[in-house]
Amino acid sequence: MTALMRKLSAFVFSLALTQIGAYAMNLNLASPWGDECSPPQTPFLSFYSPQAEDMLFDNVKEIEIVCQAGLRTLKLDWTLHRNMIKKPFLTGEEEGLPDGKFRIKIQTKDLIPGFYDLRITLDTGIQNKEPDKYKKRPVSGVCTFGWKVKDMAICETRPADFTKFWDEAKTNLSKIPLDPKEGPMQSFAGKEINDYNAASACLPPDYDPKGHKFEKV
């Protein structure tokens, strides 16, 4: 065998191992060892976008979000919601790709700046006759993303005249002379302590259930 053939054989063998490793990873996702896995583990559902790693989109005509499922599925239904709102305003359906991925594309022409929840439901084709561990598989998930978040409208909750009021308050405060001095010492005993606690310390009279430590303060 020539040196070139040996290198070619080694390359083919390493490529085969890579493919087997990738396939084994998919098998591990589809049929994990037991119902529970020790962390870190691959989540059953994961979301990412080739357009933005941080899921913050800007200046694109179409948002593309990829959902990777850990179990072979038939199709995916999705709904689009404004962040934390249950009622959707857009729906869609995607067919699964051979590698267990779903590519969801959302037109941005009608989106306003803000955050959105993309909720998905998988059709796994699981029937009642199949093992319980597969019935427990989650078939829904949510992915939150942002669209032009820098342009989000800021909701102003202050009164219209707040700025004027606040400026005047700061001006008046600056006119108050600050000349702190230590006041005269005062002694309290008996009822005087109770009256002080109720009037100035937000405490009920005679509040100590274990008795008085000091009769005079």
N, C-alpha and C. Protein backbone atom coordinates (compact mmCIF):
# COMPACT_ATOMS: atom_id res chain seq x y z
N MET A 1 0.85 -1.19 0.00
CA MET A 1 0.00 0.00 0.00
C MET A 1 0.89 1.24 0.00
N THR A 2 0.65 2.15 -0.90
CA THR A 2 1.46 3.36 -0.98
C THR A 2 1.12 4.29 0.17
N ALA A 3 2.00 5.29 0.38
CA ALA A 3 1.79 6.26 1.45
C ALA A 3 0.50 7.05 1.22
N LEU A 4 0.23 7.37 -0.07
CA LEU A 4 -0.99 8.13 -0.38
C LEU A 4 -2.23 7.32 -0.05
N MET A 5 -2.20 6.02 -0.37
CA MET A 5 -3.35 5.17 -0.09
C MET A 5 -3.56 5.02 1.41
N ARG A 6 -2.44 4.92 2.17
CA ARG A 6 -2.56 4.80 3.63
C ARG A 6 -3.19 6.06 4.23
N LYS A 7 -2.76 7.24 3.71
CA LYS A 7 -3.34 8.49 4.21
C LYS A 7 -4.83 8.57 3.86
N LEU A 8 -5.17 8.13 2.64
CA LEU A 8 -6.56 8.17 2.21
C LEU A 8 -7.40 7.23 3.05
N SER A 9 -6.87 6.05 3.34
CA SER A 9 -7.60 5.08 4.17
C SER A 9 -7.81 5.62 5.58
N ALA A 10 -6.79 6.28 6.13
CA ALA A 10 -6.90 6.85 7.47
C ALA A 10 -7.94 7.95 7.50
N PHE A 11 -7.98 8.75 6.42
CA PHE A 11 -8.96 9.84 6.34
C PHE A 11 -10.38 9.29 6.29
N VAL A 12 -10.58 8.27 5.44
CA VAL A 12 -11.90 7.66 5.32
C VAL A 12 -12.33 7.05 6.65
N PHE A 13 -11.39 6.39 7.33
CA PHE A 13 -11.71 5.77 8.61
C PHE A 13 -12.10 6.82 9.66
N SER A 14 -11.33 7.93 9.70
CA SER A 14 -11.64 8.99 10.67
C SER A 14 -12.98 9.64 10.35
N LEU A 15 -13.28 9.79 9.03
CA LEU A 15 -14.57 10.36 8.65
C LEU A 15 -15.71 9.45 9.07
N ALA A 16 -15.50 8.14 8.91
CA ALA A 16 -16.51 7.17 9.31
C ALA A 16 -16.75 7.23 10.81
N LEU A 17 -15.68 7.38 11.58
CA LEU A 17 -15.82 7.49 13.03
C LEU A 17 -16.61 8.74 13.41
N THR A 18 -16.33 9.83 12.67
CA THR A 18 -17.06 11.07 12.93
C THR A 18 -18.55 10.88 12.68
N GLN A 19 -18.88 10.25 11.56
CA GLN A 19 -20.29 10.03 11.24
C GLN A 19 -20.95 9.11 12.25
N ILE A 20 -20.21 8.06 12.66
CA ILE A 20 -20.75 7.15 13.67
C ILE A 20 -20.97 7.88 14.98
N GLY A 21 -20.00 8.76 15.33
CA GLY A 21 -20.15 9.52 16.57
C GLY A 21 -21.36 10.41 16.53
N ALA A 22 -21.58 11.09 15.39
CA ALA A 22 -22.74 11.96 15.27
C ALA A 22 -24.02 11.15 15.34
N TYR A 23 -24.03 9.98 14.68
CA TYR A 23 -25.22 9.12 14.71
C TYR A 23 -25.45 8.59 16.12
N ALA A 24 -24.35 8.23 16.79
CA ALA A 24 -24.48 7.73 18.16
C ALA A 24 -25.05 8.80 19.07
N MET A 25 -24.64 10.08 18.83
CA MET A 25 -25.18 11.17 19.63
C MET A 25 -26.69 11.27 19.44
N ASN A 26 -27.14 11.16 18.17
CA ASN A 26 -28.57 11.20 17.91
C ASN A 26 -29.29 10.03 18.57
N LEU A 27 -28.66 8.86 18.52
CA LEU A 27 -29.25 7.70 19.18
C LEU A 27 -29.34 7.92 20.68
N ASN A 28 -28.30 8.55 21.24
CA ASN A 28 -28.31 8.80 22.67
C ASN A 28 -29.43 9.78 23.04
N LEU A 29 -29.68 10.75 22.15
CA LEU A 29 -30.77 11.68 22.40
C LEU A 29 -32.11 10.97 22.31
N ALA A 30 -32.22 10.05 21.34
CA ALA A 30 -33.50 9.38 21.13
C ALA A 30 -33.76 8.31 22.18
N SER A 31 -32.72 7.62 22.60
CA SER A 31 -32.88 6.53 23.57
C SER A 31 -31.82 6.65 24.66
N PRO A 32 -32.00 7.56 25.61
CA PRO A 32 -30.99 7.75 26.65
C PRO A 32 -30.91 6.54 27.57
N TRP A 33 -29.81 6.47 28.30
CA TRP A 33 -29.63 5.37 29.26
C TRP A 33 -30.46 5.69 30.49
N GLY A 34 -31.66 5.18 30.54
CA GLY A 34 -32.54 5.44 31.67
C GLY A 34 -33.38 6.68 31.45
N ASP A 35 -34.30 6.92 32.36
CA ASP A 35 -35.20 8.06 32.23
C ASP A 35 -34.54 9.37 32.65
N GLU A 36 -33.60 9.29 33.58
CA GLU A 36 -32.96 10.49 34.07
C GLU A 36 -31.48 10.47 33.70
N CYS A 37 -30.96 11.64 33.35
CA CYS A 37 -29.54 11.78 33.01
C CYS A 37 -28.89 12.72 34.00
N SER A 38 -27.65 12.44 34.34
CA SER A 38 -26.92 13.33 35.23
C SER A 38 -26.46 14.55 34.44
N PRO A 39 -26.55 15.75 35.03
CA PRO A 39 -26.09 16.94 34.33
C PRO A 39 -24.58 16.93 34.19
N PRO A 40 -24.01 17.57 33.17
CA PRO A 40 -24.76 18.26 32.11
C PRO A 40 -25.34 17.27 31.11
N GLN A 41 -26.46 17.62 30.53
CA GLN A 41 -27.11 16.75 29.57
C GLN A 41 -27.70 17.58 28.44
N THR A 42 -27.92 16.95 27.32
CA THR A 42 -28.53 17.64 26.20
C THR A 42 -30.02 17.79 26.44
N PRO A 43 -30.56 19.00 26.38
CA PRO A 43 -31.99 19.17 26.62
C PRO A 43 -32.82 18.51 25.54
N PHE A 44 -34.03 18.12 25.90
CA PHE A 44 -34.91 17.48 24.92
C PHE A 44 -35.26 18.45 23.80
N LEU A 45 -35.47 19.70 24.12
CA LEU A 45 -35.74 20.75 23.14
C LEU A 45 -34.70 21.85 23.28
N SER A 46 -34.17 22.29 22.17
CA SER A 46 -33.25 23.42 22.19
C SER A 46 -33.54 24.31 21.00
N PHE A 47 -33.29 25.60 21.17
CA PHE A 47 -33.55 26.59 20.14
C PHE A 47 -32.28 27.38 19.85
N TYR A 48 -32.08 27.71 18.62
CA TYR A 48 -30.98 28.60 18.24
C TYR A 48 -31.32 29.24 16.90
N SER A 49 -30.55 30.25 16.54
CA SER A 49 -30.76 30.91 15.26
C SER A 49 -29.42 31.16 14.59
N PRO A 50 -29.30 30.85 13.31
CA PRO A 50 -28.06 31.16 12.59
C PRO A 50 -27.89 32.66 12.36
N GLN A 51 -28.93 33.44 12.63
CA GLN A 51 -28.87 34.89 12.41
C GLN A 51 -28.38 35.65 13.64
N ALA A 52 -28.70 35.16 14.83
CA ALA A 52 -28.35 35.89 16.05
C ALA A 52 -28.19 34.91 17.20
N GLU A 53 -26.99 34.80 17.74
CA GLU A 53 -26.74 33.88 18.84
C GLU A 53 -27.49 34.29 20.10
N ASP A 54 -27.70 35.59 20.30
CA ASP A 54 -28.38 36.07 21.51
C ASP A 54 -29.88 36.18 21.35
N MET A 55 -30.40 35.74 20.21
CA MET A 55 -31.84 35.78 19.93
C MET A 55 -32.39 37.20 19.94
N LEU A 56 -31.56 38.18 19.64
CA LEU A 56 -31.99 39.57 19.50
C LEU A 56 -31.82 39.94 18.03
N PHE A 57 -32.93 40.14 17.34
CA PHE A 57 -32.91 40.33 15.90
C PHE A 57 -33.12 41.80 15.54
N ASP A 58 -32.49 42.19 14.44
CA ASP A 58 -32.61 43.57 13.97
C ASP A 58 -32.27 43.61 12.49
N ASN A 59 -33.07 44.35 11.72
CA ASN A 59 -32.79 44.57 10.30
C ASN A 59 -32.75 43.28 9.48
N VAL A 60 -33.69 42.38 9.73
CA VAL A 60 -33.86 41.21 8.87
C VAL A 60 -35.32 41.15 8.43
N LYS A 61 -35.56 40.71 7.23
CA LYS A 61 -36.93 40.61 6.72
C LYS A 61 -37.64 39.37 7.26
N GLU A 62 -36.85 38.38 7.67
CA GLU A 62 -37.41 37.12 8.12
C GLU A 62 -36.55 36.56 9.24
N ILE A 63 -37.18 36.26 10.37
CA ILE A 63 -36.48 35.65 11.50
C ILE A 63 -36.50 34.14 11.34
N GLU A 64 -35.34 33.53 11.45
CA GLU A 64 -35.25 32.07 11.35
C GLU A 64 -34.80 31.50 12.70
N ILE A 65 -35.63 30.66 13.28
CA ILE A 65 -35.32 29.99 14.54
C ILE A 65 -35.38 28.49 14.32
N VAL A 66 -34.35 27.80 14.75
CA VAL A 66 -34.27 26.35 14.58
C VAL A 66 -34.58 25.69 15.92
N CYS A 67 -35.51 24.75 15.89
CA CYS A 67 -35.84 23.94 17.06
C CYS A 67 -35.25 22.54 16.86
N GLN A 68 -34.38 22.12 17.76
CA GLN A 68 -33.79 20.79 17.72
C GLN A 68 -34.50 19.91 18.74
N ALA A 69 -35.13 18.85 18.26
CA ALA A 69 -35.83 17.92 19.14
C ALA A 69 -34.97 16.70 19.39
N GLY A 70 -35.02 16.19 20.61
CA GLY A 70 -34.21 15.03 20.97
C GLY A 70 -34.85 13.71 20.64
N LEU A 71 -36.01 13.74 20.02
CA LEU A 71 -36.70 12.52 19.64
C LEU A 71 -37.30 12.71 18.26
N ARG A 72 -37.23 11.71 17.43
CA ARG A 72 -37.78 11.83 16.08
C ARG A 72 -39.26 12.20 16.14
N THR A 73 -39.63 13.24 15.44
CA THR A 73 -41.00 13.72 15.46
C THR A 73 -41.53 13.92 14.05
N LEU A 74 -42.85 13.96 13.93
CA LEU A 74 -43.48 14.07 12.62
C LEU A 74 -43.61 15.50 12.16
N LYS A 75 -44.13 16.35 13.03
CA LYS A 75 -44.30 17.75 12.66
C LYS A 75 -44.34 18.61 13.90
N LEU A 76 -44.34 19.89 13.68
CA LEU A 76 -44.30 20.85 14.76
C LEU A 76 -45.33 21.95 14.48
N ASP A 77 -46.14 22.27 15.47
CA ASP A 77 -47.06 23.39 15.39
C ASP A 77 -46.53 24.52 16.28
N TRP A 78 -46.58 25.74 15.80
CA TRP A 78 -46.08 26.85 16.60
C TRP A 78 -47.07 28.01 16.61
N THR A 79 -47.00 28.75 17.70
CA THR A 79 -47.80 29.97 17.86
C THR A 79 -46.88 31.07 18.33
N LEU A 80 -47.17 32.28 17.90
CA LEU A 80 -46.36 33.43 18.28
C LEU A 80 -47.19 34.35 19.17
N HIS A 81 -46.60 34.72 20.31
CA HIS A 81 -47.28 35.54 21.30
C HIS A 81 -46.40 36.75 21.63
N ARG A 82 -47.02 37.82 21.99
CA ARG A 82 -46.26 38.89 22.61
C ARG A 82 -45.87 38.41 24.00
N ASN A 83 -44.71 38.84 24.44
CA ASN A 83 -44.11 38.31 25.65
C ASN A 83 -45.08 38.28 26.82
N MET A 84 -45.25 37.08 27.41
CA MET A 84 -46.10 36.83 28.58
C MET A 84 -47.59 36.97 28.29
N ILE A 85 -47.97 36.97 27.03
CA ILE A 85 -49.38 37.04 26.65
C ILE A 85 -49.82 35.66 26.16
N LYS A 86 -50.92 35.15 26.69
CA LYS A 86 -51.37 33.81 26.33
C LYS A 86 -51.94 33.74 24.91
N LYS A 87 -52.67 34.76 24.51
CA LYS A 87 -53.35 34.73 23.21
C LYS A 87 -52.34 34.94 22.07
N PRO A 88 -52.27 34.01 21.12
CA PRO A 88 -51.33 34.17 20.01
C PRO A 88 -51.91 35.08 18.93
N PHE A 89 -51.02 35.65 18.11
CA PHE A 89 -51.47 36.45 16.98
C PHE A 89 -50.97 35.89 15.65
N LEU A 90 -50.20 34.79 15.72
CA LEU A 90 -49.69 34.17 14.50
C LEU A 90 -49.47 32.68 14.77
N THR A 91 -49.79 31.84 13.78
CA THR A 91 -49.61 30.40 13.93
C THR A 91 -48.94 29.84 12.69
N GLY A 92 -48.40 28.63 12.83
CA GLY A 92 -47.76 27.98 11.70
C GLY A 92 -47.50 26.51 11.97
N GLU A 93 -47.04 25.81 10.95
CA GLU A 93 -46.74 24.38 11.05
C GLU A 93 -45.49 24.09 10.24
N GLU A 94 -44.62 23.24 10.77
CA GLU A 94 -43.37 22.90 10.10
C GLU A 94 -43.21 21.38 10.06
N GLU A 95 -42.65 20.90 8.95
CA GLU A 95 -42.31 19.49 8.82
C GLU A 95 -40.90 19.26 9.35
N GLY A 96 -40.69 18.11 9.97
CA GLY A 96 -39.39 17.79 10.54
C GLY A 96 -38.36 17.45 9.47
N LEU A 97 -37.12 17.88 9.69
CA LEU A 97 -36.00 17.52 8.83
C LEU A 97 -35.42 16.18 9.30
N PRO A 98 -34.63 15.51 8.46
CA PRO A 98 -34.09 14.19 8.84
C PRO A 98 -33.28 14.20 10.12
N ASP A 99 -32.66 15.33 10.46
CA ASP A 99 -31.82 15.36 11.67
C ASP A 99 -32.59 15.79 12.91
N GLY A 100 -33.92 15.77 12.85
CA GLY A 100 -34.72 16.13 14.02
C GLY A 100 -34.86 17.61 14.25
N LYS A 101 -34.56 18.41 13.24
CA LYS A 101 -34.66 19.86 13.37
C LYS A 101 -35.90 20.38 12.67
N PHE A 102 -36.35 21.52 13.14
CA PHE A 102 -37.46 22.24 12.51
C PHE A 102 -37.01 23.68 12.30
N ARG A 103 -37.19 24.19 11.10
CA ARG A 103 -36.82 25.57 10.80
C ARG A 103 -38.08 26.41 10.75
N ILE A 104 -38.19 27.33 11.68
CA ILE A 104 -39.36 28.20 11.80
C ILE A 104 -38.97 29.58 11.28
N LYS A 105 -39.73 30.09 10.33
CA LYS A 105 -39.44 31.40 9.73
C LYS A 105 -40.62 32.34 9.97
N ILE A 106 -40.31 33.51 10.49
CA ILE A 106 -41.32 34.49 10.86
C ILE A 106 -41.04 35.80 10.13
N GLN A 107 -42.02 36.29 9.40
CA GLN A 107 -41.89 37.57 8.72
C GLN A 107 -41.91 38.70 9.75
N THR A 108 -41.05 39.69 9.55
CA THR A 108 -40.92 40.77 10.54
C THR A 108 -41.66 42.05 10.15
N LYS A 109 -42.29 42.07 8.99
CA LYS A 109 -42.90 43.32 8.53
C LYS A 109 -44.01 43.82 9.45
N ASP A 110 -44.69 42.90 10.15
CA ASP A 110 -45.80 43.29 11.02
C ASP A 110 -45.43 43.28 12.50
N LEU A 111 -44.16 43.04 12.82
CA LEU A 111 -43.73 43.00 14.22
C LEU A 111 -43.39 44.41 14.70
N ILE A 112 -43.76 44.70 15.93
CA ILE A 112 -43.36 45.95 16.55
C ILE A 112 -42.19 45.67 17.49
N PRO A 113 -41.34 46.64 17.76
CA PRO A 113 -40.20 46.39 18.66
C PRO A 113 -40.66 45.85 20.01
N GLY A 114 -39.99 44.79 20.45
CA GLY A 114 -40.34 44.19 21.74
C GLY A 114 -39.88 42.75 21.82
N PHE A 115 -40.37 42.04 22.83
CA PHE A 115 -40.04 40.64 23.04
C PHE A 115 -41.25 39.77 22.71
N TYR A 116 -40.95 38.57 22.21
CA TYR A 116 -41.99 37.65 21.76
C TYR A 116 -41.70 36.25 22.29
N ASP A 117 -42.78 35.49 22.50
CA ASP A 117 -42.68 34.09 22.92
C ASP A 117 -43.12 33.20 21.75
N LEU A 118 -42.23 32.33 21.33
CA LEU A 118 -42.53 31.34 20.31
C LEU A 118 -42.82 30.02 21.02
N ARG A 119 -44.07 29.60 21.01
CA ARG A 119 -44.47 28.37 21.69
C ARG A 119 -44.66 27.27 20.66
N ILE A 120 -44.07 26.10 20.93
CA ILE A 120 -44.13 25.00 19.98
C ILE A 120 -44.74 23.77 20.62
N THR A 121 -45.37 22.96 19.79
CA THR A 121 -45.92 21.67 20.21
C THR A 121 -45.50 20.63 19.19
N LEU A 122 -44.91 19.55 19.66
CA LEU A 122 -44.42 18.50 18.77
C LEU A 122 -45.46 17.40 18.63
N ASP A 123 -45.57 16.88 17.42
CA ASP A 123 -46.38 15.69 17.17
C ASP A 123 -45.41 14.52 17.10
N THR A 124 -45.27 13.79 18.23
CA THR A 124 -44.29 12.71 18.31
C THR A 124 -44.83 11.38 17.78
N GLY A 125 -46.14 11.31 17.52
CA GLY A 125 -46.71 10.06 17.05
C GLY A 125 -46.76 8.99 18.11
N ILE A 126 -46.61 9.37 19.38
CA ILE A 126 -46.60 8.39 20.46
C ILE A 126 -48.02 7.91 20.75
N GLN A 127 -48.20 6.62 20.79
CA GLN A 127 -49.50 6.01 21.06
C GLN A 127 -49.52 5.46 22.48
N ASN A 128 -50.70 5.18 22.98
CA ASN A 128 -50.84 4.70 24.36
C ASN A 128 -50.16 3.36 24.58
N LYS A 129 -50.00 2.57 23.53
CA LYS A 129 -49.40 1.24 23.69
C LYS A 129 -47.90 1.30 23.88
N GLU A 130 -47.29 2.43 23.68
CA GLU A 130 -45.84 2.52 23.79
C GLU A 130 -45.44 2.67 25.25
N PRO A 131 -44.16 2.42 25.57
CA PRO A 131 -43.70 2.44 26.97
C PRO A 131 -43.96 3.78 27.65
N ASP A 132 -44.17 3.69 28.97
CA ASP A 132 -44.49 4.88 29.74
C ASP A 132 -43.39 5.93 29.66
N LYS A 133 -42.14 5.51 29.57
CA LYS A 133 -41.05 6.50 29.59
C LYS A 133 -41.11 7.41 28.37
N TYR A 134 -41.71 6.94 27.28
CA TYR A 134 -41.85 7.80 26.11
C TYR A 134 -43.07 8.71 26.23
N LYS A 135 -44.08 8.25 26.98
CA LYS A 135 -45.24 9.10 27.20
C LYS A 135 -44.87 10.34 28.00
N LYS A 136 -43.86 10.20 28.87
CA LYS A 136 -43.47 11.30 29.74
C LYS A 136 -42.62 12.34 29.01
N ARG A 137 -42.28 12.07 27.77
CA ARG A 137 -41.48 13.03 27.03
C ARG A 137 -42.22 14.36 26.89
N PRO A 138 -41.57 15.49 27.15
CA PRO A 138 -42.25 16.77 26.91
C PRO A 138 -42.46 16.98 25.42
N VAL A 139 -43.61 17.49 25.07
CA VAL A 139 -43.91 17.70 23.65
C VAL A 139 -44.19 19.18 23.37
N SER A 140 -43.86 20.05 24.32
CA SER A 140 -44.07 21.47 24.09
C SER A 140 -42.93 22.25 24.72
N GLY A 141 -42.74 23.47 24.24
CA GLY A 141 -41.67 24.32 24.75
C GLY A 141 -41.90 25.75 24.32
N VAL A 142 -41.06 26.62 24.81
CA VAL A 142 -41.19 28.05 24.48
C VAL A 142 -39.81 28.65 24.30
N CYS A 143 -39.71 29.54 23.33
CA CYS A 143 -38.48 30.26 23.05
C CYS A 143 -38.81 31.75 23.00
N THR A 144 -38.10 32.55 23.77
CA THR A 144 -38.32 34.00 23.79
C THR A 144 -37.22 34.70 23.00
N PHE A 145 -37.63 35.61 22.13
CA PHE A 145 -36.65 36.36 21.34
C PHE A 145 -37.06 37.83 21.29
N GLY A 146 -36.12 38.66 20.88
CA GLY A 146 -36.39 40.09 20.81
C GLY A 146 -36.28 40.61 19.38
N TRP A 147 -37.13 41.58 19.07
CA TRP A 147 -37.12 42.21 17.75
C TRP A 147 -36.96 43.73 17.94
N LYS A 148 -35.82 44.26 17.49
CA LYS A 148 -35.53 45.69 17.58
C LYS A 148 -35.81 46.23 18.99
N VAL A 149 -35.23 45.56 19.97
CA VAL A 149 -35.52 45.93 21.36
C VAL A 149 -35.03 47.33 21.71
N LYS A 150 -34.03 47.83 20.98
CA LYS A 150 -33.53 49.18 21.26
C LYS A 150 -34.55 50.25 20.89
N ASP A 151 -35.50 49.88 20.05
CA ASP A 151 -36.52 50.84 19.62
C ASP A 151 -37.84 50.67 20.37
N MET A 152 -37.83 49.88 21.44
CA MET A 152 -39.06 49.67 22.21
C MET A 152 -39.55 50.98 22.79
N ALA A 153 -40.86 51.17 22.74
CA ALA A 153 -41.46 52.37 23.33
C ALA A 153 -41.39 52.28 24.85
N ILE A 154 -41.01 53.38 25.49
CA ILE A 154 -40.92 53.43 26.94
C ILE A 154 -42.24 53.96 27.48
N CYS A 155 -42.84 53.20 28.36
CA CYS A 155 -44.12 53.60 28.94
C CYS A 155 -43.86 54.61 30.06
N GLU A 156 -44.32 55.85 29.88
CA GLU A 156 -44.13 56.90 30.87
C GLU A 156 -45.29 56.88 31.87
N THR A 157 -44.96 56.58 33.12
CA THR A 157 -45.99 56.48 34.16
C THR A 157 -46.01 57.68 35.08
N ARG A 158 -45.05 58.60 34.93
CA ARG A 158 -45.01 59.77 35.80
C ARG A 158 -46.04 60.80 35.36
N PRO A 159 -46.57 61.60 36.29
CA PRO A 159 -47.50 62.67 35.90
C PRO A 159 -46.83 63.67 34.97
N ALA A 160 -47.64 64.39 34.22
CA ALA A 160 -47.09 65.31 33.23
C ALA A 160 -46.25 66.41 33.86
N ASP A 161 -46.60 66.82 35.09
CA ASP A 161 -45.87 67.91 35.74
C ASP A 161 -44.82 67.41 36.73
N PHE A 162 -44.42 66.12 36.62
CA PHE A 162 -43.50 65.56 37.60
C PHE A 162 -42.13 66.23 37.55
N THR A 163 -41.62 66.48 36.36
CA THR A 163 -40.28 67.07 36.23
C THR A 163 -40.23 68.44 36.89
N LYS A 164 -41.26 69.25 36.67
CA LYS A 164 -41.32 70.57 37.29
C LYS A 164 -41.39 70.45 38.81
N PHE A 165 -42.23 69.53 39.28
CA PHE A 165 -42.35 69.31 40.72
C PHE A 165 -41.03 68.88 41.34
N TRP A 166 -40.35 67.95 40.68
CA TRP A 166 -39.11 67.41 41.24
C TRP A 166 -38.00 68.45 41.27
N ASP A 167 -37.92 69.27 40.21
CA ASP A 167 -36.90 70.33 40.18
C ASP A 167 -37.15 71.35 41.30
N GLU A 168 -38.42 71.71 41.50
CA GLU A 168 -38.75 72.66 42.57
C GLU A 168 -38.45 72.07 43.94
N ALA A 169 -38.75 70.79 44.11
CA ALA A 169 -38.49 70.13 45.40
C ALA A 169 -36.99 70.12 45.71
N LYS A 170 -36.16 69.84 44.72
CA LYS A 170 -34.71 69.83 44.94
C LYS A 170 -34.20 71.23 45.24
N THR A 171 -34.79 72.24 44.58
CA THR A 171 -34.38 73.62 44.84
C THR A 171 -34.72 74.02 46.28
N ASN A 172 -35.94 73.67 46.71
CA ASN A 172 -36.35 74.01 48.07
C ASN A 172 -35.52 73.25 49.10
N LEU A 173 -35.17 72.02 48.80
CA LEU A 173 -34.37 71.23 49.73
C LEU A 173 -32.98 71.84 49.91
N SER A 174 -32.44 72.39 48.83
CA SER A 174 -31.10 72.98 48.92
C SER A 174 -31.08 74.22 49.79
N LYS A 175 -32.24 74.82 50.05
CA LYS A 175 -32.31 76.04 50.87
C LYS A 175 -32.38 75.73 52.36
N ILE A 176 -32.61 74.48 52.72
CA ILE A 176 -32.71 74.10 54.13
C ILE A 176 -31.31 74.03 54.72
N PRO A 177 -31.02 74.82 55.75
CA PRO A 177 -29.67 74.77 56.35
C PRO A 177 -29.46 73.47 57.12
N LEU A 178 -28.33 72.87 56.90
CA LEU A 178 -27.99 71.63 57.59
C LEU A 178 -26.93 71.94 58.64
N ASP A 179 -27.35 71.99 59.89
CA ASP A 179 -26.45 72.30 61.00
C ASP A 179 -26.73 71.32 62.13
N PRO A 180 -26.37 70.04 61.96
CA PRO A 180 -26.71 69.02 62.96
C PRO A 180 -26.01 69.27 64.29
N LYS A 181 -26.76 69.13 65.37
CA LYS A 181 -26.22 69.26 66.71
C LYS A 181 -26.78 68.15 67.59
N GLU A 182 -26.01 67.75 68.56
CA GLU A 182 -26.48 66.73 69.50
C GLU A 182 -27.46 67.36 70.48
N GLY A 183 -28.64 66.74 70.59
CA GLY A 183 -29.65 67.29 71.48
C GLY A 183 -29.41 66.93 72.92
N PRO A 184 -30.24 67.44 73.79
CA PRO A 184 -30.08 67.13 75.23
C PRO A 184 -30.44 65.68 75.52
N MET A 185 -29.79 65.11 76.51
CA MET A 185 -30.07 63.74 76.93
C MET A 185 -31.42 63.68 77.60
N GLN A 186 -32.17 62.60 77.35
CA GLN A 186 -33.48 62.39 77.96
C GLN A 186 -33.53 61.02 78.59
N SER A 187 -34.25 60.90 79.66
CA SER A 187 -34.42 59.64 80.36
C SER A 187 -35.89 59.22 80.28
N PHE A 188 -36.09 57.90 80.10
CA PHE A 188 -37.45 57.36 80.02
C PHE A 188 -37.57 56.20 81.00
N ALA A 189 -38.74 56.12 81.63
CA ALA A 189 -38.99 55.02 82.57
C ALA A 189 -40.47 54.70 82.58
N GLY A 190 -40.77 53.40 82.77
CA GLY A 190 -42.15 52.98 82.91
C GLY A 190 -43.02 53.36 81.72
N LYS A 191 -44.07 54.14 81.97
CA LYS A 191 -45.03 54.52 80.95
C LYS A 191 -44.38 55.36 79.85
N GLU A 192 -43.34 56.12 80.21
CA GLU A 192 -42.67 56.95 79.21
C GLU A 192 -42.04 56.08 78.11
N ILE A 193 -41.49 54.94 78.52
CA ILE A 193 -40.92 54.01 77.53
C ILE A 193 -42.01 53.47 76.62
N ASN A 194 -43.14 53.08 77.22
CA ASN A 194 -44.25 52.56 76.41
C ASN A 194 -44.77 53.62 75.44
N ASP A 195 -44.92 54.85 75.92
CA ASP A 195 -45.42 55.92 75.06
C ASP A 195 -44.44 56.19 73.91
N TYR A 196 -43.15 56.16 74.22
CA TYR A 196 -42.15 56.41 73.17
C TYR A 196 -42.16 55.29 72.13
N ASN A 197 -42.25 54.06 72.61
CA ASN A 197 -42.27 52.94 71.67
C ASN A 197 -43.46 53.02 70.71
N ALA A 198 -44.63 53.37 71.26
CA ALA A 198 -45.83 53.43 70.43
C ALA A 198 -45.81 54.63 69.48
N ALA A 199 -45.26 55.76 69.92
CA ALA A 199 -45.30 56.99 69.13
C ALA A 199 -44.16 57.11 68.14
N SER A 200 -42.97 56.62 68.51
CA SER A 200 -41.79 56.92 67.69
C SER A 200 -41.01 55.69 67.21
N ALA A 201 -41.25 54.51 67.78
CA ALA A 201 -40.46 53.33 67.43
C ALA A 201 -41.28 52.24 66.76
N CYS A 202 -42.55 52.51 66.48
CA CYS A 202 -43.43 51.52 65.83
C CYS A 202 -43.46 50.21 66.59
N LEU A 203 -43.43 50.29 67.91
CA LEU A 203 -43.47 49.09 68.76
C LEU A 203 -44.67 49.19 69.68
N PRO A 204 -45.27 48.05 70.01
CA PRO A 204 -46.40 48.07 70.96
C PRO A 204 -45.89 48.33 72.37
N PRO A 205 -46.71 48.89 73.23
CA PRO A 205 -46.28 49.11 74.62
C PRO A 205 -45.98 47.79 75.32
N ASP A 206 -44.93 47.82 76.09
CA ASP A 206 -44.56 46.67 76.93
C ASP A 206 -44.49 45.39 76.08
N TYR A 207 -43.73 45.43 74.99
CA TYR A 207 -43.74 44.36 73.99
C TYR A 207 -42.85 43.18 74.33
N ASP A 208 -41.95 43.33 75.30
CA ASP A 208 -40.99 42.27 75.57
C ASP A 208 -41.63 41.18 76.42
N PRO A 209 -41.89 40.00 75.86
CA PRO A 209 -42.57 38.94 76.65
C PRO A 209 -41.68 38.34 77.74
N LYS A 210 -40.37 38.53 77.64
CA LYS A 210 -39.46 37.95 78.64
C LYS A 210 -39.20 38.90 79.80
N GLY A 211 -39.91 40.00 79.83
CA GLY A 211 -39.70 40.94 80.92
C GLY A 211 -38.77 42.08 80.53
N HIS A 212 -38.62 43.03 81.41
CA HIS A 212 -37.81 44.22 81.13
C HIS A 212 -36.36 43.95 81.49
N LYS A 213 -35.48 44.26 80.56
CA LYS A 213 -34.05 44.16 80.86
C LYS A 213 -33.58 45.39 81.61
N PHE A 214 -34.17 46.53 81.20
CA PHE A 214 -33.85 47.79 81.91
C PHE A 214 -35.17 48.50 82.21
N GLU A 215 -35.27 49.04 83.40
CA GLU A 215 -36.45 49.78 83.79
C GLU A 215 -36.33 51.25 83.43
N LYS A 216 -35.13 51.66 83.08
CA LYS A 216 -34.89 53.06 82.74
C LYS A 216 -33.88 53.15 81.60
N VAL A 217 -34.21 53.95 80.63
CA VAL A 217 -33.30 54.13 79.48
C VAL A 217 -33.08 55.60 79.25
